Amino acid sequence: MAVSTTPAGIQSTAEISRRRSLVLALNTITYLGLAFWLGSILGAQGWSAVDVALFGCFLAGTPWAVLGFWNAVIGLWLLRATKDPILQVAPCVAAGGSEDPLRVDTAILLTLRNEDPARALKRLRIVKQSIDATGAGDRFSYFILSDTNDAVVAIEEEAMAHAWALETGAPHRVVYRRRTDNEGFKAGNVRDFCTRWGGSFELMLPLDADSLMTGDTIVRMVRMMQAYPKLGILQSLVTGMPSKSGFARIFQFGMRHGMRPYTMGSAWWMADCGPFWGHNALVRVKPFIEDCDLPVLPGNGPLGGHVLSHDQVEAALMRRAGYEVRVWPEECGSWEENPPTLADFSRRDVRWCQGNLQYMKLLGLPGLLPMSRFQLAFAILMFLGIPAWTLLIALLPFKVLDGESSALFPAASAAALYLTFLMMYLSPKLAGFADVLATKRESGRYGGAGLFLAGAAVELVFSFLVGAATTLRITLFMLGLPFGRSATWNGQERDVHALSWRSAVSGLWPQFLFGMTVIGALTIVAPALVLWSLPLTLGYLVAIPFAVWTSRPAVGRFLVETGLCAIPEEDERPWEIAALGAPPVAHCEVIETEAA
């Protein structure tokens, strides 16, 4: 009897089905268990209107945390308790180590919109130099795809691109193109490339303006795609680069460790229906052209028109076309830069929020696999859960006033549930921290266990403060969507700069007001709860000084000098990162910008 496999023949479909059934069971049991636990607490003295509202908010906001918990548990088990986790998760990776010559042509795409052209092109130059060093450079071409509408930037872009093309000695392999409009946003930019040049290439590798990859990693990925013609998208695990921004440095320290076990765990059961993050990934051009064209969404307003968050939809369409979508869940020479301030981070989050909510109009696309629909639904739920948690926090003082006896309230059970949920919420990062601390060699790459633990402690506090400030911003943004509020796709500020107090106050006063209201009310009605609430509420209260402080170049310099929140690339510096030189630091510049 023939064994059924995924389209590329990489894994048994029966084995993947068993894994998915197990993950579904674990998540369902955990979710229902948490719901029952909270229900027993809220209903101990009967159900009030506040109880019902709190319970509903919890049900809406909990699924993402539960899934993150089990992905982290599975990921840590794979990383530390199995002999060859990659063999179980992504067997296709083995093909990257072959010595087969490349037989396919690949286009490297740099998508730009009002970015610093010198900065972006420097990264693309390094990518080309690194690929050429592998000896396979003749199989790659480079496209600078501009949607820039700033005339001054456009002139500079074109001049630099043409000068670089001549420097390479093969100008036909370096193409600059600028669209006169931004139709379809980044997805439209890439689609235009496909229409004009896509027929000449088997693969394409989209890069953002802050992307950097090693030539060895890219060539290995091409070999994987070459070995498996039914592999449609291969996503690398993208990590943050060394940064002198205090905000970016702390954020990417936590993000790196959370992503490693989370991605390993999710890839174990998502398998052939993996993620696509829109950059630092290889895409097979022919099925992308034929089967991954995004629909224009019906209706006006922010949730209609062209799709902002294109990547997850393109992954679903690629899988519908009969091609696998896989992630290579190892840190493998694929980097990006993270926003240098809370303001820049929050603006990016808002754009992702709007794009993910557009998926509500795409859930009914015909022919999608159940796993693909699940991915779209969970991408929506990730943001729908944010206002639910915000409302839950706002309702805390009202729970104290709903007429129940404090003596009969199951306080010990409530405290246990609260701490349990916090641990589940933090579990991807805690699993990543545990993975590093499991061996002396690995912790040594971060300056030793003591310095690593200090960085982890800083990051955990940081993550709660960031979470409060950004979730309220997203909640307010979502409330504005029915009234036409919309995000835009534009160039991002990527270099270190300092936010002014004026800009921080103008952007973050709602967070401060919300925090003052909730903490003030709790102080009046239940002072004992104030301390318990601080992991959730302190971030609102200190959002303004937090945004200013973490943007200061002096804070970044302090973290660099002490080694706090360092990453291995700071000492074990690949030449691709070394070639970038020291990132620019605006020592005195204070930026007047919207802080949230």
Protein backbone atom coordinates (compact mmCIF):
# COMPACT_ATOMS: atom_id res chain seq x y z
CA MET A 1 0.00 0.00 0.00
CA ALA A 2 1.45 3.35 -1.10
CA VAL A 3 2.19 5.90 1.61
CA SER A 4 0.54 9.27 1.00
CA THR A 5 2.96 12.17 1.24
CA THR A 6 2.86 15.94 1.01
CA PRO A 7 3.06 17.38 -2.55
CA ALA A 8 6.87 17.58 -2.52
CA GLY A 9 7.16 14.09 -1.05
CA ILE A 10 8.82 15.49 2.07
CA GLN A 11 6.66 13.92 4.79
CA SER A 12 3.90 11.40 5.35
CA THR A 13 0.47 13.02 5.45
CA ALA A 14 -0.67 10.45 8.02
CA GLU A 15 2.14 11.49 10.38
CA ILE A 16 1.30 15.18 9.93
CA SER A 17 -2.38 14.46 10.58
CA ARG A 18 -1.48 12.71 13.85
CA ARG A 19 0.61 15.68 14.93
CA ARG A 20 -2.16 18.13 14.12
CA SER A 21 -4.72 16.02 15.97
CA LEU A 22 -2.47 15.99 19.02
CA VAL A 23 -1.94 19.76 18.92
CA LEU A 24 -5.66 20.34 18.46
CA ALA A 25 -6.43 18.13 21.45
CA LEU A 26 -3.81 19.80 23.65
CA ASN A 27 -5.01 23.28 22.76
CA THR A 28 -8.69 22.44 23.13
CA ILE A 29 -8.25 20.76 26.52
CA THR A 30 -6.07 23.62 27.80
CA TYR A 31 -8.44 26.30 26.53
CA LEU A 32 -11.51 24.62 27.99
CA GLY A 33 -9.66 23.97 31.23
CA LEU A 34 -8.73 27.64 31.59
CA ALA A 35 -12.28 28.66 30.71
CA PHE A 36 -13.74 26.27 33.29
CA TRP A 37 -11.26 27.51 35.89
CA LEU A 38 -12.19 31.14 35.31
CA GLY A 39 -15.89 30.26 35.19
CA SER A 40 -15.66 28.62 38.61
CA ILE A 41 -14.05 31.80 39.98
CA LEU A 42 -16.45 34.29 38.41
CA GLY A 43 -19.53 32.19 39.10
CA ALA A 44 -18.72 31.35 42.71
CA GLN A 45 -21.41 33.80 43.90
CA GLY A 46 -23.54 33.91 40.77
CA TRP A 47 -23.01 35.65 37.48
CA SER A 48 -23.19 39.44 37.20
CA ALA A 49 -23.05 41.46 33.98
CA VAL A 50 -19.42 42.26 34.75
CA ASP A 51 -18.67 38.56 35.19
CA VAL A 52 -20.17 37.75 31.79
CA ALA A 53 -18.16 40.54 30.14
CA LEU A 54 -14.92 39.44 31.81
CA PHE A 55 -15.53 35.84 30.80
CA GLY A 56 -16.21 36.83 27.18
CA CYS A 57 -13.05 38.94 27.03
CA PHE A 58 -11.01 36.05 28.41
CA LEU A 59 -12.44 33.61 25.87
CA ALA A 60 -11.59 35.99 23.01
CA GLY A 61 -8.09 36.80 24.18
CA THR A 62 -6.83 33.42 25.35
CA PRO A 63 -6.50 31.19 22.22
CA TRP A 64 -3.32 32.88 20.97
CA ALA A 65 -1.60 32.46 24.34
CA VAL A 66 -2.62 28.80 24.53
CA LEU A 67 -1.28 28.08 21.05
CA GLY A 68 1.94 29.94 21.86
CA PHE A 69 2.35 27.86 25.01
CA TRP A 70 2.07 24.51 23.24
CA ASN A 71 4.24 25.62 20.31
CA ALA A 72 6.89 26.62 22.86
CA VAL A 73 6.62 23.33 24.77
CA ILE A 74 6.85 21.26 21.59
CA GLY A 75 9.67 23.42 20.27
CA LEU A 76 11.74 23.14 23.43
CA TRP A 77 11.16 19.37 23.49
CA LEU A 78 12.40 19.12 19.90
CA LEU A 79 15.42 21.33 20.55
CA ARG A 80 16.55 19.62 23.75
CA ALA A 81 15.04 16.13 23.88
CA THR A 82 15.37 14.85 20.31
CA LYS A 83 18.50 13.90 18.41
CA ASP A 84 17.75 15.61 15.10
CA PRO A 85 14.85 18.09 15.35
CA ILE A 86 15.26 19.38 11.79
CA LEU A 87 14.81 15.87 10.41
CA GLN A 88 11.43 15.70 12.14
CA VAL A 89 10.35 19.24 11.32
CA ALA A 90 11.81 20.10 7.89
CA PRO A 91 13.53 17.16 6.20
CA CYS A 92 13.99 19.26 3.07
CA VAL A 93 16.78 21.21 4.81
CA ALA A 94 19.18 18.28 4.28
CA ALA A 95 19.17 18.98 0.55
CA GLY A 96 20.78 22.35 1.21
CA GLY A 97 24.02 20.67 2.18
CA SER A 98 24.52 18.98 -1.18
CA GLU A 99 27.27 20.03 -3.59
CA ASP A 100 24.95 20.01 -6.60
CA PRO A 101 25.54 22.98 -8.91
CA LEU A 102 22.66 25.42 -9.17
CA ARG A 103 20.52 24.81 -12.23
CA VAL A 104 17.86 27.47 -11.68
CA ASP A 105 17.94 31.25 -12.00
CA THR A 106 16.91 33.40 -9.04
CA ALA A 107 15.90 37.04 -8.90
CA ILE A 108 16.77 38.97 -5.73
CA LEU A 109 14.13 41.66 -5.21
CA LEU A 110 14.65 44.77 -3.08
CA THR A 111 11.33 46.55 -2.53
CA LEU A 112 11.54 50.23 -1.60
CA ARG A 113 9.22 53.08 -0.79
CA ASN A 114 10.77 56.37 0.36
CA GLU A 115 13.66 54.62 2.10
CA ASP A 116 17.23 55.84 2.46
CA PRO A 117 18.64 54.50 -0.85
CA ALA A 118 22.27 54.42 0.25
CA ARG A 119 21.33 52.41 3.31
CA ALA A 120 19.16 49.90 1.43
CA LEU A 121 21.50 49.44 -1.52
CA LYS A 122 24.46 48.87 0.78
CA ARG A 123 22.68 45.79 2.11
CA LEU A 124 21.89 44.55 -1.39
CA ARG A 125 25.54 45.02 -2.41
CA ILE A 126 26.63 42.90 0.54
CA VAL A 127 24.12 40.19 -0.39
CA LYS A 128 25.53 40.10 -3.92
CA GLN A 129 29.13 40.00 -2.72
CA SER A 130 28.29 37.15 -0.38
CA ILE A 131 26.50 35.18 -3.12
CA ASP A 132 29.38 35.78 -5.55
CA ALA A 133 31.79 34.42 -2.93
CA THR A 134 30.00 31.06 -3.12
CA GLY A 135 30.87 30.75 -6.81
CA ALA A 136 27.22 30.65 -7.87
CA GLY A 137 26.78 34.34 -8.63
CA ASP A 138 26.00 33.81 -12.31
CA ARG A 139 22.63 32.29 -11.33
CA PHE A 140 21.37 35.46 -9.63
CA SER A 141 20.04 38.79 -10.85
CA TYR A 142 19.09 41.85 -8.79
CA PHE A 143 16.02 44.04 -9.06
CA ILE A 144 15.55 47.33 -7.20
CA LEU A 145 11.77 47.73 -7.23
CA SER A 146 10.84 51.24 -6.16
CA ASP A 147 7.44 52.62 -5.24
CA THR A 148 9.00 55.87 -4.05
CA ASN A 149 6.91 59.00 -4.54
CA ASP A 150 9.41 61.44 -3.06
CA ALA A 151 11.07 63.02 -6.11
CA VAL A 152 14.36 63.78 -4.34
CA VAL A 153 14.69 60.23 -3.01
CA ALA A 154 13.73 58.80 -6.41
CA ILE A 155 16.50 60.69 -8.18
CA GLU A 156 19.04 59.46 -5.63
CA GLU A 157 17.75 55.89 -5.89
CA GLU A 158 18.06 55.77 -9.65
CA ALA A 159 21.53 57.32 -9.73
CA MET A 160 22.86 54.91 -7.10
CA ALA A 161 21.28 51.89 -8.74
CA HIS A 162 22.69 52.72 -12.15
CA ALA A 163 26.14 53.43 -10.72
CA TRP A 164 26.13 50.10 -8.93
CA ALA A 165 24.99 48.27 -12.07
CA LEU A 166 28.01 49.63 -13.93
CA GLU A 167 30.35 48.74 -11.06
CA THR A 168 29.29 45.10 -11.15
CA GLY A 169 30.56 44.66 -14.70
CA ALA A 170 27.29 42.90 -15.52
CA PRO A 171 24.73 45.73 -15.72
CA HIS A 172 22.15 43.43 -17.30
CA ARG A 173 21.95 41.63 -13.92
CA VAL A 174 21.03 44.78 -12.00
CA VAL A 175 17.68 46.38 -12.86
CA TYR A 176 16.14 49.50 -11.38
CA ARG A 177 12.43 50.16 -11.87
CA ARG A 178 10.21 52.79 -10.27
CA ARG A 179 6.43 52.70 -10.41
CA THR A 180 4.59 55.98 -10.58
CA ASP A 181 1.95 54.78 -8.15
CA ASN A 182 1.69 52.47 -5.15
CA GLU A 183 -1.17 50.28 -6.39
CA GLY A 184 -1.40 47.07 -4.41
CA PHE A 185 1.26 48.25 -1.96
CA LYS A 186 4.26 45.90 -1.64
CA ALA A 187 2.33 42.96 -3.12
CA GLY A 188 1.54 45.08 -6.16
CA ASN A 189 5.19 46.02 -6.45
CA VAL A 190 6.24 42.36 -6.53
CA ARG A 191 3.37 41.48 -8.86
CA ASP A 192 4.62 44.09 -11.34
CA PHE A 193 8.04 42.40 -11.33
CA CYS A 194 6.37 39.06 -12.00
CA THR A 195 4.42 40.47 -14.92
CA ARG A 196 7.46 42.08 -16.55
CA TRP A 197 10.37 39.75 -15.73
CA GLY A 198 9.02 36.75 -13.83
CA GLY A 199 9.04 34.41 -16.83
CA SER A 200 12.84 34.49 -16.89
CA PHE A 201 13.30 33.14 -13.38
CA GLU A 202 12.46 29.95 -11.53
CA LEU A 203 12.75 31.56 -8.09
CA MET A 204 12.60 34.98 -6.48
CA LEU A 205 13.87 36.19 -3.12
CA PRO A 206 12.04 39.31 -1.84
CA LEU A 207 14.06 41.48 0.55
CA ASP A 208 12.95 44.46 2.58
CA ALA A 209 15.06 47.60 2.87
CA ASP A 210 16.44 46.34 6.19
CA SER A 211 17.03 42.72 5.12
CA LEU A 212 20.40 41.01 5.07
CA MET A 213 21.24 37.39 4.21
CA THR A 214 24.43 35.45 3.69
CA GLY A 215 25.21 34.01 0.29
CA ASP A 216 25.73 30.58 1.81
CA THR A 217 22.22 30.61 3.29
CA ILE A 218 20.66 31.74 0.02
CA VAL A 219 22.50 29.10 -2.03
CA ARG A 220 21.50 26.39 0.46
CA MET A 221 17.87 27.47 0.18
CA VAL A 222 18.05 27.41 -3.61
CA ARG A 223 19.38 23.86 -3.44
CA MET A 224 16.43 22.88 -1.27
CA MET A 225 13.98 24.40 -3.75
CA GLN A 226 15.87 22.78 -6.62
CA ALA A 227 15.66 19.37 -4.97
CA TYR A 228 11.90 19.69 -4.37
CA PRO A 229 10.09 21.21 -7.38
CA LYS A 230 6.80 21.16 -5.46
CA LEU A 231 8.22 23.35 -2.71
CA GLY A 232 6.56 26.69 -3.45
CA ILE A 233 7.78 28.94 -0.62
CA LEU A 234 10.73 28.40 1.70
CA GLN A 235 10.83 30.91 4.55
CA SER A 236 14.02 31.46 6.53
CA LEU A 237 13.91 32.20 10.26
CA VAL A 238 14.63 35.93 10.40
CA THR A 239 16.44 37.32 13.44
CA GLY A 240 17.44 40.83 14.47
CA MET A 241 20.84 42.32 13.73
CA PRO A 242 23.11 43.99 16.29
CA SER A 243 21.64 47.39 17.12
CA LYS A 244 22.67 50.50 19.02
CA SER A 245 19.04 51.40 19.64
CA GLY A 246 18.08 50.56 23.21
CA PHE A 247 14.51 49.77 22.18
CA ALA A 248 15.43 47.55 19.25
CA ARG A 249 18.21 45.82 21.17
CA ILE A 250 15.97 44.73 24.05
CA PHE A 251 13.03 43.88 21.79
CA GLN A 252 14.98 41.65 19.43
CA PHE A 253 16.71 39.87 22.33
CA GLY A 254 13.32 38.63 23.50
CA MET A 255 11.94 38.14 20.01
CA ARG A 256 14.89 35.98 19.02
CA HIS A 257 14.48 33.61 21.93
CA GLY A 258 10.71 33.47 21.63
CA MET A 259 10.81 32.78 17.90
CA ARG A 260 13.26 29.89 18.06
CA PRO A 261 11.17 27.37 20.07
CA TYR A 262 7.85 28.80 18.83
CA THR A 263 8.80 28.39 15.15
CA MET A 264 10.31 24.95 15.71
CA GLY A 265 7.17 23.81 17.52
CA SER A 266 4.73 25.27 15.01
CA ALA A 267 6.68 23.88 12.04
CA TRP A 268 6.43 20.39 13.57
CA TRP A 269 2.67 20.30 12.99
CA MET A 270 2.05 23.01 10.38
CA ALA A 271 4.58 21.27 8.12
CA ASP A 272 3.61 21.87 4.49
CA CYS A 273 1.27 24.76 5.39
CA GLY A 274 3.97 26.91 6.91
CA PRO A 275 4.28 30.67 7.27
CA PHE A 276 5.40 33.31 4.78
CA TRP A 277 6.55 36.63 6.18
CA GLY A 278 6.97 38.41 2.85
CA HIS A 279 10.76 38.74 2.87
CA ASN A 280 13.93 36.67 3.33
CA ALA A 281 12.11 33.77 1.68
CA LEU A 282 12.44 31.95 -1.63
CA VAL A 283 9.30 31.85 -3.78
CA ARG A 284 8.70 29.72 -6.88
CA VAL A 285 7.76 32.24 -9.53
CA LYS A 286 5.53 30.27 -11.94
CA PRO A 287 2.85 29.14 -9.44
CA PHE A 288 3.12 32.51 -7.72
CA ILE A 289 2.20 34.25 -10.98
CA GLU A 290 -0.52 31.78 -11.92
CA ASP A 291 -2.13 31.09 -8.55
CA CYS A 292 -1.19 33.73 -5.96
CA ASP A 293 -2.64 36.93 -7.39
CA LEU A 294 -4.39 38.70 -4.54
CA PRO A 295 -8.03 39.68 -4.96
CA VAL A 296 -9.10 43.28 -4.52
CA LEU A 297 -11.39 43.19 -1.51
CA PRO A 298 -14.95 44.44 -1.92
CA GLY A 299 -16.19 47.55 -0.17
CA ASN A 300 -14.73 50.90 0.69
CA GLY A 301 -12.88 51.96 3.78
CA PRO A 302 -9.82 50.52 5.49
CA LEU A 303 -10.85 46.86 5.18
CA GLY A 304 -11.65 47.05 1.48
CA GLY A 305 -9.42 47.43 -1.57
CA HIS A 306 -5.89 46.05 -1.80
CA VAL A 307 -4.57 43.74 0.90
CA LEU A 308 -1.93 45.26 3.17
CA SER A 309 -0.73 42.02 4.82
CA HIS A 310 -0.25 40.03 1.66
CA ASP A 311 2.15 37.31 2.79
CA GLN A 312 -0.12 34.94 4.71
CA VAL A 313 -2.71 35.02 1.93
CA GLU A 314 -0.06 34.27 -0.70
CA ALA A 315 1.06 31.31 1.40
CA ALA A 316 -2.52 30.00 1.53
CA LEU A 317 -2.91 30.43 -2.23
CA MET A 318 0.42 28.73 -2.94
CA ARG A 319 -0.65 25.75 -0.85
CA ARG A 320 -4.04 25.68 -2.60
CA ALA A 321 -2.15 25.42 -5.89
CA GLY A 322 -0.55 22.16 -4.74
CA TYR A 323 2.81 23.49 -3.58
CA GLU A 324 4.25 23.22 -0.10
CA VAL A 325 5.05 26.22 2.08
CA ARG A 326 7.85 25.49 4.54
CA VAL A 327 9.89 27.34 7.14
CA TRP A 328 13.53 26.60 7.92
CA PRO A 329 13.27 26.98 11.70
CA GLU A 330 16.94 27.55 12.51
CA GLU A 331 18.99 30.70 12.95
CA CYS A 332 20.76 30.48 9.63
CA GLY A 333 22.21 33.80 8.44
CA SER A 334 18.99 35.69 7.76
CA TRP A 335 18.52 39.05 9.47
CA GLU A 336 16.41 42.16 9.63
CA GLU A 337 16.45 45.38 11.62
CA ASN A 338 13.76 46.11 14.17
CA PRO A 339 12.13 49.52 14.75
CA PRO A 340 14.41 51.77 16.84
CA THR A 341 11.67 53.37 18.95
CA LEU A 342 8.27 52.61 20.43
CA ALA A 343 6.76 55.05 17.93
CA ASP A 344 8.13 53.21 14.90
CA PHE A 345 7.23 49.84 16.39
CA SER A 346 3.66 50.92 17.08
CA ARG A 347 3.14 52.29 13.57
CA ARG A 348 4.23 48.96 12.11
CA ASP A 349 1.88 47.08 14.44
CA VAL A 350 -1.06 49.20 13.35
CA ARG A 351 -0.37 48.47 9.69
CA TRP A 352 -0.22 44.74 10.43
CA CYS A 353 -3.43 44.99 12.41
CA GLN A 354 -5.36 46.51 9.51
CA GLY A 355 -3.88 44.01 7.06
CA ASN A 356 -4.73 41.01 9.23
CA LEU A 357 -8.29 42.19 9.81
CA GLN A 358 -8.75 42.30 6.04
CA TYR A 359 -8.46 38.50 6.14
CA MET A 360 -12.04 38.41 7.39
CA LYS A 361 -13.07 38.98 3.78
CA LEU A 362 -10.79 36.17 2.57
CA LEU A 363 -11.80 33.30 4.83
CA GLY A 364 -14.33 32.16 2.26
CA LEU A 365 -11.89 31.89 -0.64
CA PRO A 366 -12.74 28.66 -2.46
CA GLY A 367 -10.36 25.72 -2.35
CA LEU A 368 -8.25 26.73 0.65
CA LEU A 369 -7.00 23.88 2.80
CA PRO A 370 -8.44 23.73 6.33
CA MET A 371 -4.99 24.49 7.76
CA SER A 372 -4.73 27.60 5.58
CA ARG A 373 -8.13 28.84 6.76
CA PHE A 374 -7.01 28.20 10.31
CA GLN A 375 -3.88 30.32 9.76
CA LEU A 376 -5.93 33.22 8.40
CA ALA A 377 -8.44 32.92 11.24
CA PHE A 378 -5.73 32.92 13.88
CA ALA A 379 -4.03 35.90 12.26
CA ILE A 380 -7.33 37.74 12.68
CA LEU A 381 -7.81 36.50 16.22
CA MET A 382 -4.34 37.70 17.20
CA PHE A 383 -5.56 41.28 16.83
CA LEU A 384 -9.21 40.77 17.82
CA GLY A 385 -7.98 39.49 21.16
CA ILE A 386 -6.18 42.77 21.90
CA PRO A 387 -9.26 44.97 22.53
CA ALA A 388 -10.73 42.06 24.51
CA TRP A 389 -7.79 42.15 26.92
CA THR A 390 -7.92 45.94 27.07
CA LEU A 391 -11.59 45.81 28.02
CA LEU A 392 -10.89 43.10 30.59
CA ILE A 393 -8.33 45.36 32.29
CA ALA A 394 -10.75 48.28 32.21
CA LEU A 395 -13.43 46.14 33.88
CA LEU A 396 -11.27 45.07 36.84
CA PRO A 397 -12.43 47.90 39.15
CA PHE A 398 -16.07 47.19 38.28
CA LYS A 399 -15.64 43.56 39.35
CA VAL A 400 -14.85 44.78 42.86
CA LEU A 401 -18.04 46.85 42.84
CA ASP A 402 -20.47 44.18 41.61
CA GLY A 403 -21.85 43.49 45.11
CA GLU A 404 -20.18 40.18 45.88
CA SER A 405 -18.73 39.30 49.26
CA SER A 406 -14.94 39.62 49.27
CA ALA A 407 -14.79 36.97 51.99
CA LEU A 408 -16.44 34.41 49.72
CA PHE A 409 -14.41 35.28 46.61
CA PRO A 410 -11.93 32.46 45.74
CA ALA A 411 -8.89 34.74 45.84
CA ALA A 412 -6.30 31.94 45.99
CA SER A 413 -7.73 30.29 42.88
CA ALA A 414 -7.87 33.63 41.06
CA ALA A 415 -4.23 34.35 41.92
CA ALA A 416 -3.19 30.89 40.73
CA LEU A 417 -5.04 31.34 37.43
CA TYR A 418 -3.50 34.78 36.95
CA LEU A 419 0.04 33.48 37.50
CA THR A 420 -0.61 30.44 35.33
CA PHE A 421 -1.77 32.61 32.48
CA LEU A 422 1.21 34.97 32.80
CA MET A 423 3.57 31.98 32.56
CA MET A 424 1.72 30.69 29.50
CA TYR A 425 1.85 34.13 27.91
CA LEU A 426 5.60 34.30 28.49
CA SER A 427 6.27 30.64 27.64
CA PRO A 428 7.81 31.14 24.16
CA LYS A 429 10.46 33.46 25.61
CA LEU A 430 10.94 31.35 28.73
CA ALA A 431 11.44 28.30 26.52
CA GLY A 432 13.98 30.19 24.44
CA PHE A 433 15.82 31.32 27.55
CA ALA A 434 15.85 27.75 28.86
CA ASP A 435 17.22 26.52 25.53
CA VAL A 436 20.20 28.87 25.81
CA LEU A 437 20.85 28.11 29.48
CA ALA A 438 20.73 24.36 28.86
CA THR A 439 24.38 24.34 27.76
CA LYS A 440 27.38 26.33 28.91
CA ARG A 441 28.55 26.70 25.33
CA GLU A 442 25.30 28.33 24.20
CA SER A 443 25.02 30.69 27.16
CA GLY A 444 28.66 31.58 26.60
CA ARG A 445 27.75 32.98 23.20
CA TYR A 446 25.67 35.56 25.09
CA GLY A 447 28.41 36.54 27.55
CA GLY A 448 27.75 33.83 30.14
CA ALA A 449 24.73 32.68 32.13
CA GLY A 450 24.78 35.63 34.54
CA LEU A 451 24.77 38.31 31.86
CA PHE A 452 22.21 36.37 29.86
CA LEU A 453 19.85 36.10 32.83
CA ALA A 454 20.23 39.83 33.49
CA GLY A 455 19.30 40.55 29.88
CA ALA A 456 16.35 38.16 30.11
CA ALA A 457 15.06 39.94 33.22
CA VAL A 458 15.36 43.33 31.51
CA GLU A 459 13.53 42.02 28.47
CA LEU A 460 10.66 40.52 30.44
CA VAL A 461 9.95 43.83 32.17
CA PHE A 462 10.38 45.60 28.83
CA SER A 463 7.88 43.28 27.12
CA PHE A 464 5.12 44.07 29.62
CA LEU A 465 5.69 47.81 29.24
CA VAL A 466 5.69 47.63 25.44
CA GLY A 467 2.63 45.40 25.45
CA ALA A 468 0.53 47.87 27.42
CA ALA A 469 1.46 50.87 25.27
CA THR A 470 0.99 49.13 21.93
CA THR A 471 -2.17 47.19 22.73
CA LEU A 472 -4.06 50.31 23.71
CA ARG A 473 -2.89 51.97 20.50
CA ILE A 474 -4.19 49.03 18.49
CA THR A 475 -7.48 49.04 20.41
CA LEU A 476 -8.01 52.73 19.67
CA PHE A 477 -7.05 52.17 16.04
CA MET A 478 -9.56 49.34 15.71
CA LEU A 479 -12.28 51.53 17.21
CA GLY A 480 -11.51 54.06 14.48
CA LEU A 481 -11.72 51.57 11.60
CA PRO A 482 -15.53 51.91 11.16
CA PHE A 483 -15.00 55.65 10.82
CA GLY A 484 -12.44 55.32 8.05
CA ARG A 485 -9.19 55.40 10.01
CA SER A 486 -6.49 53.68 7.99
CA ALA A 487 -2.78 52.85 8.06
CA THR A 488 -0.39 53.59 5.21
CA TRP A 489 2.57 51.80 3.65
CA ASN A 490 5.56 54.11 3.56
CA GLY A 491 9.26 54.30 4.32
CA GLN A 492 10.31 53.55 7.89
CA GLU A 493 12.75 55.28 10.21
CA ARG A 494 15.46 52.68 10.82
CA ASP A 495 18.40 54.52 12.39
CA VAL A 496 18.78 55.33 16.07
CA HIS A 497 17.10 58.60 17.04
CA ALA A 498 15.65 60.17 20.15
CA LEU A 499 11.96 60.92 20.62
CA SER A 500 11.17 64.28 22.14
CA TRP A 501 9.01 64.59 25.25
CA ARG A 502 6.57 66.63 23.19
CA SER A 503 6.06 63.88 20.62
CA ALA A 504 5.84 61.21 23.32
CA VAL A 505 3.16 63.13 25.21
CA SER A 506 1.17 63.89 22.05
CA GLY A 507 1.13 60.24 21.02
CA LEU A 508 0.89 58.45 24.34
CA TRP A 509 -1.39 60.57 26.53
CA PRO A 510 -4.29 58.10 26.03
CA GLN A 511 -2.14 55.33 27.53
CA PHE A 512 -1.27 57.49 30.53
CA LEU A 513 -4.91 58.52 31.03
CA PHE A 514 -6.10 54.91 30.76
CA GLY A 515 -3.48 53.72 33.25
CA MET A 516 -4.26 56.52 35.70
CA THR A 517 -7.96 55.72 35.52
CA VAL A 518 -7.59 51.97 36.07
CA ILE A 519 -4.91 52.15 38.75
CA GLY A 520 -6.63 55.08 40.44
CA ALA A 521 -9.93 53.22 40.55
CA LEU A 522 -8.27 50.08 41.91
CA THR A 523 -6.49 52.16 44.56
CA ILE A 524 -9.85 53.43 45.75
CA VAL A 525 -11.91 50.24 45.60
CA ALA A 526 -9.29 47.50 46.12
CA PRO A 527 -5.81 48.73 47.06
CA ALA A 528 -4.56 45.17 47.52
CA LEU A 529 -5.10 44.51 43.79
CA VAL A 530 -2.92 47.37 42.59
CA LEU A 531 0.34 45.47 43.03
CA TRP A 532 -1.12 42.37 41.35
CA SER A 533 -2.27 44.45 38.40
CA LEU A 534 1.09 46.11 37.70
CA PRO A 535 2.35 43.59 35.11
CA LEU A 536 -0.73 44.53 33.05
CA THR A 537 -1.22 48.20 33.98
CA LEU A 538 2.15 49.78 34.76
CA GLY A 539 3.00 50.04 31.07
CA TYR A 540 0.11 52.44 30.51
CA LEU A 541 1.20 54.69 33.34
CA VAL A 542 4.86 54.95 32.28
CA ALA A 543 4.37 54.81 28.50
CA ILE A 544 5.57 58.38 27.94
CA PRO A 545 8.88 58.23 29.85
CA PHE A 546 9.40 54.65 28.64
CA ALA A 547 9.14 55.73 24.99
CA VAL A 548 11.53 58.64 25.54
CA TRP A 549 14.02 56.68 27.64
CA THR A 550 14.30 53.65 25.35
CA SER A 551 14.83 55.94 22.34
CA ARG A 552 17.84 57.73 23.84
CA PRO A 553 21.15 56.87 22.14
CA ALA A 554 22.81 56.99 25.58
CA VAL A 555 20.66 54.05 26.73
CA GLY A 556 21.68 52.07 23.68
CA ARG A 557 25.33 52.86 24.31
CA PHE A 558 25.00 51.73 27.92
CA LEU A 559 23.50 48.40 26.85
CA VAL A 560 26.25 47.88 24.28
CA GLU A 561 29.03 48.73 26.74
CA THR A 562 27.66 46.44 29.46
CA GLY A 563 26.75 43.61 27.07
CA LEU A 564 23.13 43.55 28.25
CA CYS A 565 20.72 41.99 25.75
CA ALA A 566 23.60 41.14 23.44
CA ILE A 567 23.29 38.65 20.60
CA PRO A 568 26.02 36.29 19.34
CA GLU A 569 26.60 38.28 16.14
CA GLU A 570 28.13 41.07 18.20
CA ASP A 571 31.18 38.91 18.97
CA GLU A 572 30.92 36.15 16.37
CA ARG A 573 30.40 38.77 13.68
CA PRO A 574 29.72 37.38 10.18
CA TRP A 575 31.52 39.42 7.58
CA GLU A 576 28.18 40.41 6.02
CA ILE A 577 27.22 42.20 9.24
CA ALA A 578 30.74 43.54 9.75
CA ALA A 579 30.60 45.03 6.23
CA LEU A 580 27.67 47.21 7.27
CA GLY A 581 29.91 49.04 9.73
CA ALA A 582 28.61 50.70 12.85
CA PRO A 583 24.92 51.62 12.59
CA PRO A 584 24.35 55.40 12.55
CA VAL A 585 23.48 56.97 15.88
CA ALA A 586 21.85 60.40 16.11
CA HIS A 587 23.58 61.44 19.35
CA CYS A 588 21.87 64.81 19.59
CA GLU A 589 18.99 64.59 17.16
CA VAL A 590 15.55 64.61 18.78
CA ILE A 591 12.78 63.56 16.42
CA GLU A 592 9.41 65.27 16.55
CA THR A 593 7.13 62.46 15.46
CA GLU A 594 3.93 60.77 16.51
CA ALA A 595 4.93 58.49 19.35
CA ALA A 596 2.17 55.94 18.97
